[in-house]
Amino acid sequence: MSEIPLCSVTISSQLPLDEIDSLETSLLINSIKAQKFPSRVLGADDVAFVATVVGGLAATANLIEYSIKFAKTINNWRRELRLKGIEPKGRLEHPQRPPLDIGKATDEEIVEWLSRK
């Protein structure tokens, strides 16, 4: 079965590398399949994680649940950064919606953005 992109999250290279790595680790721990790529849009060293879900009927049925799980992972990572005095810098992207700044959005806005079909 093919994989369907859920969305991408682009993280600013201005964040400490270990904090970017902690997001990647959090995604893996939460069983969120995400591929890491250098971003070609924002800054030369920005990092993009593309979250994917396996295609098919099961994927369609579980898409909202998977999206909420992804949102919780992003929100927990942002919370951890802020506890360390680091402001998250990046955005969520999907071809059919406007990007969402993860540094300015509330937890609820991230859940709602990711839950849209």
PDB file of N, CA and C in Angstrom:
ATOM      1  N   MET A   1       0.833  -1.191   0.000  1.00  0.00           N
ATOM      2  CA  MET A   1       0.000   0.000   0.000  1.00  0.00           C
ATOM      3  C   MET A   1       0.872   1.246   0.000  1.00  0.00           C
ATOM      4  N   SER A   2       0.387   2.264  -0.628  1.00  0.00           N
ATOM      5  CA  SER A   2       1.141   3.508  -0.689  1.00  0.00           C
ATOM      6  C   SER A   2       0.888   4.347   0.559  1.00  0.00           C
ATOM      7  N   GLU A   3       1.788   5.292   0.764  1.00  0.00           N
ATOM      8  CA  GLU A   3       1.650   6.201   1.897  1.00  0.00           C
ATOM      9  C   GLU A   3       1.069   7.517   1.411  1.00  0.00           C
ATOM     10  N   ILE A   4       0.183   8.076   2.223  1.00  0.00           N
ATOM     11  CA  ILE A   4      -0.470   9.338   1.903  1.00  0.00           C
ATOM     12  C   ILE A   4       0.076  10.398   2.848  1.00  0.00           C
ATOM     13  N   PRO A   5       0.593  11.521   2.319  1.00  0.00           N
ATOM     14  CA  PRO A   5       1.075  12.575   3.216  1.00  0.00           C
ATOM     15  C   PRO A   5      -0.074  13.169   4.024  1.00  0.00           C
ATOM     16  N   LEU A   6       0.113  13.275   5.328  1.00  0.00           N
ATOM     17  CA  LEU A   6      -0.867  13.899   6.212  1.00  0.00           C
ATOM     18  C   LEU A   6      -0.646  15.405   6.200  1.00  0.00           C
ATOM     19  N   CYS A   7       0.582  15.812   6.445  1.00  0.00           N
ATOM     20  CA  CYS A   7       0.984  17.214   6.391  1.00  0.00           C
ATOM     21  C   CYS A   7       2.481  17.261   6.610  1.00  0.00           C
ATOM     22  N   SER A   8       3.037  18.445   6.540  1.00  0.00           N
ATOM     23  CA  SER A   8       4.445  18.601   6.895  1.00  0.00           C
ATOM     24  C   SER A   8       4.555  19.664   7.971  1.00  0.00           C
ATOM     25  N   VAL A   9       5.584  19.534   8.778  1.00  0.00           N
ATOM     26  CA  VAL A   9       5.897  20.543   9.782  1.00  0.00           C
ATOM     27  C   VAL A   9       7.324  20.988   9.497  1.00  0.00           C
ATOM     28  N   THR A  10       7.485  22.277   9.227  1.00  0.00           N
ATOM     29  CA  THR A  10       8.795  22.845   8.942  1.00  0.00           C
ATOM     30  C   THR A  10       9.285  23.554  10.189  1.00  0.00           C
ATOM     31  N   ILE A  11      10.471  23.173  10.652  1.00  0.00           N
ATOM     32  CA  ILE A  11      11.047  23.707  11.875  1.00  0.00           C
ATOM     33  C   ILE A  11      12.225  24.601  11.518  1.00  0.00           C
ATOM     34  N   SER A  12      12.274  25.763  12.133  1.00  0.00           N
ATOM     35  CA  SER A  12      13.333  26.730  11.876  1.00  0.00           C
ATOM     36  C   SER A  12      14.683  26.196  12.333  1.00  0.00           C
ATOM     37  N   SER A  13      15.693  26.422  11.509  1.00  0.00           N
ATOM     38  CA  SER A  13      17.055  26.027  11.863  1.00  0.00           C
ATOM     39  C   SER A  13      17.607  26.879  13.000  1.00  0.00           C
ATOM     40  N   GLN A  14      16.882  27.935  13.400  1.00  0.00           N
ATOM     41  CA  GLN A  14      17.314  28.767  14.522  1.00  0.00           C
ATOM     42  C   GLN A  14      17.132  28.054  15.859  1.00  0.00           C
ATOM     43  N   LEU A  15      16.326  26.998  15.886  1.00  0.00           N
ATOM     44  CA  LEU A  15      16.157  26.216  17.111  1.00  0.00           C
ATOM     45  C   LEU A  15      17.385  25.335  17.315  1.00  0.00           C
ATOM     46  N   PRO A  16      17.733  25.056  18.574  1.00  0.00           N
ATOM     47  CA  PRO A  16      18.868  24.160  18.822  1.00  0.00           C
ATOM     48  C   PRO A  16      18.635  22.793  18.174  1.00  0.00           C
ATOM     49  N   LEU A  17      19.691  22.234  17.608  1.00  0.00           N
ATOM     50  CA  LEU A  17      19.596  20.958  16.899  1.00  0.00           C
ATOM     51  C   LEU A  17      19.038  19.851  17.786  1.00  0.00           C
ATOM     52  N   ASP A  18      19.405  19.840  19.069  1.00  0.00           N
ATOM     53  CA  ASP A  18      18.897  18.783  19.947  1.00  0.00           C
ATOM     54  C   ASP A  18      17.391  18.904  20.159  1.00  0.00           C
ATOM     55  N   GLU A  19      16.843  20.111  20.044  1.00  0.00           N
ATOM     56  CA  GLU A  19      15.389  20.291  20.171  1.00  0.00           C
ATOM     57  C   GLU A  19      14.670  19.819  18.912  1.00  0.00           C
ATOM     58  N   ILE A  20      15.295  20.008  17.764  1.00  0.00           N
ATOM     59  CA  ILE A  20      14.731  19.476  16.517  1.00  0.00           C
ATOM     60  C   ILE A  20      14.768  17.948  16.568  1.00  0.00           C
ATOM     61  N   ASP A  21      15.889  17.408  17.067  1.00  0.00           N
ATOM     62  CA  ASP A  21      16.002  15.953  17.213  1.00  0.00           C
ATOM     63  C   ASP A  21      14.977  15.408  18.200  1.00  0.00           C
ATOM     64  N   SER A  22      14.661  16.192  19.235  1.00  0.00           N
ATOM     65  CA  SER A  22      13.676  15.721  20.218  1.00  0.00           C
ATOM     66  C   SER A  22      12.288  15.610  19.591  1.00  0.00           C
ATOM     67  N   LEU A  23      11.976  16.476  18.620  1.00  0.00           N
ATOM     68  CA  LEU A  23      10.700  16.350  17.909  1.00  0.00           C
ATOM     69  C   LEU A  23      10.688  15.054  17.106  1.00  0.00           C
ATOM     70  N   GLU A  24      11.776  14.788  16.414  1.00  0.00           N
ATOM     71  CA  GLU A  24      11.859  13.556  15.625  1.00  0.00           C
ATOM     72  C   GLU A  24      11.699  12.331  16.533  1.00  0.00           C
ATOM     73  N   THR A  25      12.346  12.348  17.688  1.00  0.00           N
ATOM     74  CA  THR A  25      12.230  11.248  18.648  1.00  0.00           C
ATOM     75  C   THR A  25      10.796  11.108  19.147  1.00  0.00           C
ATOM     76  N   SER A  26      10.153  12.235  19.453  1.00  0.00           N
ATOM     77  CA  SER A  26       8.760  12.207  19.924  1.00  0.00           C
ATOM     78  C   SER A  26       7.830  11.619  18.872  1.00  0.00           C
ATOM     79  N   LEU A  27       8.062  11.960  17.622  1.00  0.00           N
ATOM     80  CA  LEU A  27       7.239  11.411  16.541  1.00  0.00           C
ATOM     81  C   LEU A  27       7.403   9.892  16.475  1.00  0.00           C
ATOM     82  N   LEU A  28       8.652   9.425  16.580  1.00  0.00           N
ATOM     83  CA  LEU A  28       8.911   7.982  16.539  1.00  0.00           C
ATOM     84  C   LEU A  28       8.293   7.262  17.727  1.00  0.00           C
ATOM     85  N   ILE A  29       8.457   7.822  18.923  1.00  0.00           N
ATOM     86  CA  ILE A  29       7.909   7.214  20.138  1.00  0.00           C
ATOM     87  C   ILE A  29       6.393   7.079  20.041  1.00  0.00           C
ATOM     88  N   ASN A  30       5.754   8.053  19.413  1.00  0.00           N
ATOM     89  CA  ASN A  30       4.297   8.053  19.291  1.00  0.00           C
ATOM     90  C   ASN A  30       3.810   7.342  18.026  1.00  0.00           C
ATOM     91  N   SER A  31       4.703   6.582  17.401  1.00  0.00           N
ATOM     92  CA  SER A  31       4.376   5.783  16.210  1.00  0.00           C
ATOM     93  C   SER A  31       3.844   6.624  15.061  1.00  0.00           C
ATOM     94  N   ILE A  32       4.382   7.820  14.930  1.00  0.00           N
ATOM     95  CA  ILE A  32       4.001   8.689  13.818  1.00  0.00           C
ATOM     96  C   ILE A  32       5.098   8.589  12.768  1.00  0.00           C
ATOM     97  N   LYS A  33       4.727   8.093  11.606  1.00  0.00           N
ATOM     98  CA  LYS A  33       5.698   7.922  10.533  1.00  0.00           C
ATOM     99  C   LYS A  33       5.962   9.282   9.898  1.00  0.00           C
ATOM    100  N   ALA A  34       7.210   9.723  10.014  1.00  0.00           N
ATOM    101  CA  ALA A  34       7.577  11.025   9.459  1.00  0.00           C
ATOM    102  C   ALA A  34       8.965  10.935   8.849  1.00  0.00           C
ATOM    103  N   GLN A  35       9.089  11.458   7.656  1.00  0.00           N
ATOM    104  CA  GLN A  35      10.385  11.513   6.993  1.00  0.00           C
ATOM    105  C   GLN A  35      10.953  12.913   7.167  1.00  0.00           C
ATOM    106  N   LYS A  36      12.249  12.981   7.413  1.00  0.00           N
ATOM    107  CA  LYS A  36      12.925  14.253   7.650  1.00  0.00           C
ATOM    108  C   LYS A  36      13.630  14.687   6.364  1.00  0.00           C
ATOM    109  N   PHE A  37      13.394  15.936   5.972  1.00  0.00           N
ATOM    110  CA  PHE A  37      13.995  16.496   4.769  1.00  0.00           C
ATOM    111  C   PHE A  37      14.514  17.897   5.063  1.00  0.00           C
ATOM    112  N   PRO A  38      15.568  18.323   4.379  1.00  0.00           N
ATOM    113  CA  PRO A  38      15.912  19.748   4.466  1.00  0.00           C
ATOM    114  C   PRO A  38      14.833  20.545   3.737  1.00  0.00           C
ATOM    115  N   SER A  39      14.444  21.676   4.291  1.00  0.00           N
ATOM    116  CA  SER A  39      13.411  22.502   3.667  1.00  0.00           C
ATOM    117  C   SER A  39      14.030  23.344   2.566  1.00  0.00           C
ATOM    118  N   ARG A  40      13.289  23.493   1.481  1.00  0.00           N
ATOM    119  CA  ARG A  40      13.773  24.332   0.381  1.00  0.00           C
ATOM    120  C   ARG A  40      13.005  25.653   0.322  1.00  0.00           C
ATOM    121  N   VAL A  41      12.217  25.936   1.353  1.00  0.00           N
ATOM    122  CA  VAL A  41      11.351  27.100   1.276  1.00  0.00           C
ATOM    123  C   VAL A  41      11.814  28.226   2.188  1.00  0.00           C
ATOM    124  N   LEU A  42      11.790  28.014   3.502  1.00  0.00           N
ATOM    125  CA  LEU A  42      12.083  29.093   4.452  1.00  0.00           C
ATOM    126  C   LEU A  42      13.551  29.475   4.446  1.00  0.00           C
ATOM    127  N   GLY A  43      14.339  28.794   5.239  1.00  0.00           N
ATOM    128  CA  GLY A  43      15.758  29.072   5.327  1.00  0.00           C
ATOM    129  C   GLY A  43      16.536  27.893   4.788  1.00  0.00           C
ATOM    130  N   ALA A  44      17.777  28.124   4.464  1.00  0.00           N
ATOM    131  CA  ALA A  44      18.588  27.075   3.850  1.00  0.00           C
ATOM    132  C   ALA A  44      18.738  25.850   4.738  1.00  0.00           C
ATOM    133  N   ASP A  45      18.744  26.038   6.051  1.00  0.00           N
ATOM    134  CA  ASP A  45      18.981  24.921   6.961  1.00  0.00           C
ATOM    135  C   ASP A  45      17.735  24.466   7.708  1.00  0.00           C
ATOM    136  N   ASP A  46      16.560  24.980   7.371  1.00  0.00           N
ATOM    137  CA  ASP A  46      15.336  24.557   8.046  1.00  0.00           C
ATOM    138  C   ASP A  46      15.078  23.079   7.757  1.00  0.00           C
ATOM    139  N   VAL A  47      14.348  22.431   8.665  1.00  0.00           N
ATOM    140  CA  VAL A  47      14.080  21.001   8.554  1.00  0.00           C
ATOM    141  C   VAL A  47      12.581  20.787   8.427  1.00  0.00           C
ATOM    142  N   ALA A  48      12.189  19.929   7.505  1.00  0.00           N
ATOM    143  CA  ALA A  48      10.772  19.589   7.340  1.00  0.00           C
ATOM    144  C   ALA A  48      10.577  18.115   7.653  1.00  0.00           C
ATOM    145  N   PHE A  49       9.549  17.828   8.445  1.00  0.00           N
ATOM    146  CA  PHE A  49       9.124  16.457   8.701  1.00  0.00           C
ATOM    147  C   PHE A  49       7.811  16.269   7.957  1.00  0.00           C
ATOM    148  N   VAL A  50       7.741  15.262   7.102  1.00  0.00           N
ATOM    149  CA  VAL A  50       6.509  14.970   6.381  1.00  0.00           C
ATOM    150  C   VAL A  50       5.876  13.747   7.032  1.00  0.00           C
ATOM    151  N   ALA A  51       4.741  13.961   7.691  1.00  0.00           N
ATOM    152  CA  ALA A  51       4.018  12.870   8.345  1.00  0.00           C
ATOM    153  C   ALA A  51       3.151  12.177   7.312  1.00  0.00           C
ATOM    154  N   THR A  52       3.206  10.849   7.295  1.00  0.00           N
ATOM    155  CA  THR A  52       2.434  10.076   6.328  1.00  0.00           C
ATOM    156  C   THR A  52       1.610   9.009   7.035  1.00  0.00           C
ATOM    157  N   VAL A  53       0.593   8.553   6.342  1.00  0.00           N
ATOM    158  CA  VAL A  53      -0.254   7.457   6.817  1.00  0.00           C
ATOM    159  C   VAL A  53      -0.400   6.479   5.656  1.00  0.00           C
ATOM    160  N   VAL A  54      -0.424   5.184   5.955  1.00  0.00           N
ATOM    161  CA  VAL A  54      -0.565   4.170   4.911  1.00  0.00           C
ATOM    162  C   VAL A  54      -1.962   4.281   4.313  1.00  0.00           C
ATOM    163  N   GLY A  55      -2.039   4.265   2.984  1.00  0.00           N
ATOM    164  CA  GLY A  55      -3.317   4.421   2.297  1.00  0.00           C
ATOM    165  C   GLY A  55      -4.231   3.218   2.459  1.00  0.00           C
ATOM    166  N   GLY A  56      -5.484   3.394   2.090  1.00  0.00           N
ATOM    167  CA  GLY A  56      -6.463   2.317   2.163  1.00  0.00           C
ATOM    168  C   GLY A  56      -7.611   2.662   3.085  1.00  0.00           C
ATOM    169  N   LEU A  57      -8.560   1.739   3.194  1.00  0.00           N
ATOM    170  CA  LEU A  57      -9.752   1.974   4.011  1.00  0.00           C
ATOM    171  C   LEU A  57      -9.427   2.157   5.482  1.00  0.00           C
ATOM    172  N   ALA A  58      -8.498   1.373   6.011  1.00  0.00           N
ATOM    173  CA  ALA A  58      -8.141   1.496   7.430  1.00  0.00           C
ATOM    174  C   ALA A  58      -7.554   2.872   7.714  1.00  0.00           C
ATOM    175  N   ALA A  59      -6.761   3.381   6.794  1.00  0.00           N
ATOM    176  CA  ALA A  59      -6.160   4.700   6.979  1.00  0.00           C
ATOM    177  C   ALA A  59      -7.228   5.778   7.018  1.00  0.00           C
ATOM    178  N   THR A  60      -8.194   5.672   6.131  1.00  0.00           N
ATOM    179  CA  THR A  60      -9.272   6.657   6.095  1.00  0.00           C
ATOM    180  C   THR A  60     -10.053   6.651   7.403  1.00  0.00           C
ATOM    181  N   ALA A  61     -10.322   5.477   7.917  1.00  0.00           N
ATOM    182  CA  ALA A  61     -11.084   5.358   9.159  1.00  0.00           C
ATOM    183  C   ALA A  61     -10.320   5.909  10.355  1.00  0.00           C
ATOM    184  N   ASN A  62      -9.000   5.789  10.337  1.00  0.00           N
ATOM    185  CA  ASN A  62      -8.182   6.206  11.474  1.00  0.00           C
ATOM    186  C   ASN A  62      -7.521   7.567  11.289  1.00  0.00           C
ATOM    187  N   LEU A  63      -7.821   8.254  10.207  1.00  0.00           N
ATOM    188  CA  LEU A  63      -7.129   9.499   9.893  1.00  0.00           C
ATOM    189  C   LEU A  63      -7.317  10.570  10.963  1.00  0.00           C
ATOM    190  N   ILE A  64      -8.528  10.751  11.465  1.00  0.00           N
ATOM    191  CA  ILE A  64      -8.775  11.771  12.492  1.00  0.00           C
ATOM    192  C   ILE A  64      -8.020  11.419  13.767  1.00  0.00           C
ATOM    193  N   GLU A  65      -8.084  10.157  14.164  1.00  0.00           N
ATOM    194  CA  GLU A  65      -7.371   9.711  15.368  1.00  0.00           C
ATOM    195  C   GLU A  65      -5.864   9.946  15.222  1.00  0.00           C
ATOM    196  N   TYR A  66      -5.326   9.617  14.056  1.00  0.00           N
ATOM    197  CA  TYR A  66      -3.907   9.806  13.768  1.00  0.00           C
ATOM    198  C   TYR A  66      -3.552  11.295  13.783  1.00  0.00           C
ATOM    199  N   SER A  67      -4.423  12.123  13.220  1.00  0.00           N
ATOM    200  CA  SER A  67      -4.193  13.572  13.193  1.00  0.00           C
ATOM    201  C   SER A  67      -4.157  14.146  14.603  1.00  0.00           C
ATOM    202  N   ILE A  68      -5.057  13.691  15.465  1.00  0.00           N
ATOM    203  CA  ILE A  68      -5.090  14.176  16.851  1.00  0.00           C
ATOM    204  C   ILE A  68      -3.835  13.729  17.594  1.00  0.00           C
ATOM    205  N   LYS A  69      -3.395  12.508  17.340  1.00  0.00           N
ATOM    206  CA  LYS A  69      -2.162  12.002  17.950  1.00  0.00           C
ATOM    207  C   LYS A  69      -0.970  12.855  17.514  1.00  0.00           C
ATOM    208  N   PHE A  70      -0.928  13.210  16.233  1.00  0.00           N
ATOM    209  CA  PHE A  70       0.138  14.058  15.700  1.00  0.00           C
ATOM    210  C   PHE A  70       0.078  15.437  16.354  1.00  0.00           C
ATOM    211  N   ALA A  71      -1.121  15.991  16.490  1.00  0.00           N
ATOM    212  CA  ALA A  71      -1.291  17.308  17.118  1.00  0.00           C
ATOM    213  C   ALA A  71      -0.813  17.285  18.567  1.00  0.00           C
ATOM    214  N   LYS A  72      -1.159  16.243  19.304  1.00  0.00           N
ATOM    215  CA  LYS A  72      -0.724  16.141  20.703  1.00  0.00           C
ATOM    216  C   LYS A  72       0.793  16.068  20.801  1.00  0.00           C
ATOM    217  N   THR A  73       1.422  15.365  19.872  1.00  0.00           N
ATOM    218  CA  THR A  73       2.885  15.269  19.863  1.00  0.00           C
ATOM    219  C   THR A  73       3.509  16.638  19.621  1.00  0.00           C
ATOM    220  N   ILE A  74       2.986  17.374  18.642  1.00  0.00           N
ATOM    221  CA  ILE A  74       3.489  18.725  18.357  1.00  0.00           C
ATOM    222  C   ILE A  74       3.261  19.631  19.562  1.00  0.00           C
ATOM    223  N   ASN A  75       2.071  19.579  20.150  1.00  0.00           N
ATOM    224  CA  ASN A  75       1.755  20.440  21.296  1.00  0.00           C
ATOM    225  C   ASN A  75       2.633  20.126  22.502  1.00  0.00           C
ATOM    226  N   ASN A  76       2.886  18.856  22.775  1.00  0.00           N
ATOM    227  CA  ASN A  76       3.765  18.486  23.891  1.00  0.00           C
ATOM    228  C   ASN A  76       5.187  18.974  23.652  1.00  0.00           C
ATOM    229  N   TRP A  77       5.656  18.851  22.418  1.00  0.00           N
ATOM    230  CA  TRP A  77       6.997  19.321  22.066  1.00  0.00           C
ATOM    231  C   TRP A  77       7.099  20.836  22.246  1.00  0.00           C
ATOM    232  N   ARG A  78       6.084  21.568  21.815  1.00  0.00           N
ATOM    233  CA  ARG A  78       6.077  23.034  21.987  1.00  0.00           C
ATOM    234  C   ARG A  78       6.094  23.389  23.472  1.00  0.00           C
ATOM    235  N   ARG A  79       5.316  22.676  24.261  1.00  0.00           N
ATOM    236  CA  ARG A  79       5.249  22.922  25.709  1.00  0.00           C
ATOM    237  C   ARG A  79       6.622  22.705  26.356  1.00  0.00           C
ATOM    238  N   GLU A  80       7.292  21.615  25.965  1.00  0.00           N
ATOM    239  CA  GLU A  80       8.627  21.327  26.500  1.00  0.00           C
ATOM    240  C   GLU A  80       9.616  22.428  26.128  1.00  0.00           C
ATOM    241  N   LEU A  81       9.549  22.920  24.904  1.00  0.00           N
ATOM    242  CA  LEU A  81      10.425  24.021  24.485  1.00  0.00           C
ATOM    243  C   LEU A  81      10.190  25.249  25.353  1.00  0.00           C
ATOM    244  N   ARG A  82       8.942  25.594  25.540  1.00  0.00           N
ATOM    245  CA  ARG A  82       8.611  26.797  26.312  1.00  0.00           C
ATOM    246  C   ARG A  82       9.045  26.672  27.768  1.00  0.00           C
ATOM    247  N   LEU A  83       8.982  25.467  28.332  1.00  0.00           N
ATOM    248  CA  LEU A  83       9.466  25.262  29.701  1.00  0.00           C
ATOM    249  C   LEU A  83      10.968  25.522  29.806  1.00  0.00           C
ATOM    250  N   LYS A  84      11.676  25.358  28.687  1.00  0.00           N
ATOM    251  CA  LYS A  84      13.118  25.617  28.636  1.00  0.00           C
ATOM    252  C   LYS A  84      13.417  27.056  28.231  1.00  0.00           C
ATOM    253  N   GLY A  85      12.371  27.858  28.028  1.00  0.00           N
ATOM    254  CA  GLY A  85      12.558  29.244  27.619  1.00  0.00           C
ATOM    255  C   GLY A  85      12.818  29.419  26.133  1.00  0.00           C
ATOM    256  N   ILE A  86      12.484  28.416  25.341  1.00  0.00           N
ATOM    257  CA  ILE A  86      12.686  28.460  23.890  1.00  0.00           C
ATOM    258  C   ILE A  86      11.325  28.593  23.218  1.00  0.00           C
ATOM    259  N   GLU A  87      11.208  29.566  22.337  1.00  0.00           N
ATOM    260  CA  GLU A  87       9.951  29.753  21.608  1.00  0.00           C
ATOM    261  C   GLU A  87       9.975  28.891  20.339  1.00  0.00           C
ATOM    262  N   PRO A  88       8.948  28.047  20.133  1.00  0.00           N
ATOM    263  CA  PRO A  88       8.918  27.217  18.924  1.00  0.00           C
ATOM    264  C   PRO A  88       8.818  28.079  17.668  1.00  0.00           C
ATOM    265  N   LYS A  89       9.575  27.698  16.657  1.00  0.00           N
ATOM    266  CA  LYS A  89       9.557  28.428  15.387  1.00  0.00           C
ATOM    267  C   LYS A  89       9.369  27.417  14.268  1.00  0.00           C
ATOM    268  N   GLY A  90       8.270  27.564  13.563  1.00  0.00           N
ATOM    269  CA  GLY A  90       7.995  26.666  12.455  1.00  0.00           C
ATOM    270  C   GLY A  90       6.551  26.795  12.022  1.00  0.00           C
ATOM    271  N   ARG A  91       6.147  25.911  11.113  1.00  0.00           N
ATOM    272  CA  ARG A  91       4.765  25.971  10.632  1.00  0.00           C
ATOM    273  C   ARG A  91       4.313  24.601  10.144  1.00  0.00           C
ATOM    274  N   LEU A  92       3.018  24.402  10.217  1.00  0.00           N
ATOM    275  CA  LEU A  92       2.378  23.228   9.639  1.00  0.00           C
ATOM    276  C   LEU A  92       1.955  23.591   8.223  1.00  0.00           C
ATOM    277  N   GLU A  93       2.112  22.652   7.295  1.00  0.00           N
ATOM    278  CA  GLU A  93       1.759  22.922   5.907  1.00  0.00           C
ATOM    279  C   GLU A  93       0.983  21.751   5.317  1.00  0.00           C
ATOM    280  N   HIS A  94       0.029  22.097   4.474  1.00  0.00           N
ATOM    281  CA  HIS A  94      -0.756  21.120   3.719  1.00  0.00           C
ATOM    282  C   HIS A  94      -1.173  21.827   2.434  1.00  0.00           C
ATOM    283  N   PRO A  95      -1.118  21.138   1.289  1.00  0.00           N
ATOM    284  CA  PRO A  95      -1.424  21.808   0.024  1.00  0.00           C
ATOM    285  C   PRO A  95      -2.822  22.412  -0.065  1.00  0.00           C
ATOM    286  N   GLN A  96      -3.781  21.913   0.733  1.00  0.00           N
ATOM    287  CA  GLN A  96      -5.158  22.385   0.606  1.00  0.00           C
ATOM    288  C   GLN A  96      -5.583  23.338   1.720  1.00  0.00           C
ATOM    289  N   ARG A  97      -4.639  23.823   2.525  1.00  0.00           N
ATOM    290  CA  ARG A  97      -4.966  24.784   3.591  1.00  0.00           C
ATOM    291  C   ARG A  97      -3.846  25.799   3.749  1.00  0.00           C
ATOM    292  N   PRO A  98      -4.178  26.934   4.343  1.00  0.00           N
ATOM    293  CA  PRO A  98      -3.115  27.903   4.619  1.00  0.00           C
ATOM    294  C   PRO A  98      -2.186  27.357   5.705  1.00  0.00           C
ATOM    295  N   PRO A  99      -0.900  27.718   5.669  1.00  0.00           N
ATOM    296  CA  PRO A  99       0.021  27.246   6.709  1.00  0.00           C
ATOM    297  C   PRO A  99      -0.374  27.791   8.079  1.00  0.00           C
ATOM    298  N   LEU A 100       0.063  27.088   9.122  1.00  0.00           N
ATOM    299  CA  LEU A 100      -0.233  27.492  10.493  1.00  0.00           C
ATOM    300  C   LEU A 100       1.083  27.651  11.243  1.00  0.00           C
ATOM    301  N   ASP A 101       1.308  28.837  11.801  1.00  0.00           N
ATOM    302  CA  ASP A 101       2.512  29.137  12.575  1.00  0.00           C
ATOM    303  C   ASP A 101       2.420  28.434  13.923  1.00  0.00           C
ATOM    304  N   ILE A 102       3.317  27.472  14.185  1.00  0.00           N
ATOM    305  CA  ILE A 102       3.232  26.718  15.435  1.00  0.00           C
ATOM    306  C   ILE A 102       3.734  27.510  16.638  1.00  0.00           C
ATOM    307  N   GLY A 103       4.373  28.634  16.400  1.00  0.00           N
ATOM    308  CA  GLY A 103       4.801  29.485  17.503  1.00  0.00           C
ATOM    309  C   GLY A 103       3.685  30.374  18.017  1.00  0.00           C
ATOM    310  N   LYS A 104       2.716  30.666  17.171  1.00  0.00           N
ATOM    311  CA  LYS A 104       1.622  31.574  17.537  1.00  0.00           C
ATOM    312  C   LYS A 104       0.304  30.852  17.798  1.00  0.00           C
ATOM    313  N   ALA A 105       0.123  29.682  17.223  1.00  0.00           N
ATOM    314  CA  ALA A 105      -1.149  28.954  17.342  1.00  0.00           C
ATOM    315  C   ALA A 105      -1.330  28.384  18.746  1.00  0.00           C
ATOM    316  N   THR A 106      -2.583  28.269  19.155  1.00  0.00           N
ATOM    317  CA  THR A 106      -2.903  27.607  20.424  1.00  0.00           C
ATOM    318  C   THR A 106      -2.924  26.094  20.198  1.00  0.00           C
ATOM    319  N   ASP A 107      -2.917  25.334  21.284  1.00  0.00           N
ATOM    320  CA  ASP A 107      -3.026  23.879  21.173  1.00  0.00           C
ATOM    321  C   ASP A 107      -4.295  23.497  20.418  1.00  0.00           C
ATOM    322  N   GLU A 108      -5.390  24.175  20.736  1.00  0.00           N
ATOM    323  CA  GLU A 108      -6.672  23.874  20.102  1.00  0.00           C
ATOM    324  C   GLU A 108      -6.639  24.172  18.606  1.00  0.00           C
ATOM    325  N   GLU A 109      -5.984  25.261  18.223  1.00  0.00           N
ATOM    326  CA  GLU A 109      -5.888  25.596  16.796  1.00  0.00           C
ATOM    327  C   GLU A 109      -5.094  24.533  16.042  1.00  0.00           C
ATOM    328  N   ILE A 110      -4.060  23.999  16.665  1.00  0.00           N
ATOM    329  CA  ILE A 110      -3.269  22.949  16.015  1.00  0.00           C
ATOM    330  C   ILE A 110      -4.100  21.679  15.856  1.00  0.00           C
ATOM    331  N   VAL A 111      -4.827  21.290  16.896  1.00  0.00           N
ATOM    332  CA  VAL A 111      -5.694  20.105  16.804  1.00  0.00           C
ATOM    333  C   VAL A 111      -6.735  20.308  15.707  1.00  0.00           C
ATOM    334  N   GLU A 112      -7.370  21.473  15.684  1.00  0.00           N
ATOM    335  CA  GLU A 112      -8.410  21.759  14.687  1.00  0.00           C
ATOM    336  C   GLU A 112      -7.822  21.770  13.274  1.00  0.00           C
ATOM    337  N   TRP A 113      -6.654  22.381  13.095  1.00  0.00           N
ATOM    338  CA  TRP A 113      -6.012  22.464  11.781  1.00  0.00           C
ATOM    339  C   TRP A 113      -5.698  21.061  11.265  1.00  0.00           C
ATOM    340  N   LEU A 114      -5.145  20.221  12.137  1.00  0.00           N
ATOM    341  CA  LEU A 114      -4.768  18.871  11.719  1.00  0.00           C
ATOM    342  C   LEU A 114      -5.967  17.943  11.546  1.00  0.00           C
ATOM    343  N   SER A 115      -7.080  18.260  12.167  1.00  0.00           N
ATOM    344  CA  SER A 115      -8.267  17.399  12.095  1.00  0.00           C
ATOM    345  C   SER A 115      -9.127  17.668  10.871  1.00  0.00           C
ATOM    346  N   ARG A 116      -8.842  18.743  10.149  1.00  0.00           N
ATOM    347  CA  ARG A 116      -9.624  19.042   8.942  1.00  0.00           C
ATOM    348  C   ARG A 116      -9.356  18.011   7.871  1.00  0.00           C
ATOM    349  N   LYS A 117     -10.395  17.704   7.114  1.00  0.00           N
ATOM    350  CA  LYS A 117     -10.242  16.758   5.990  1.00  0.00           C
ATOM    351  C   LYS A 117      -9.815  17.507   4.760  1.00  0.00           C
TER     352      LYS A 117
END
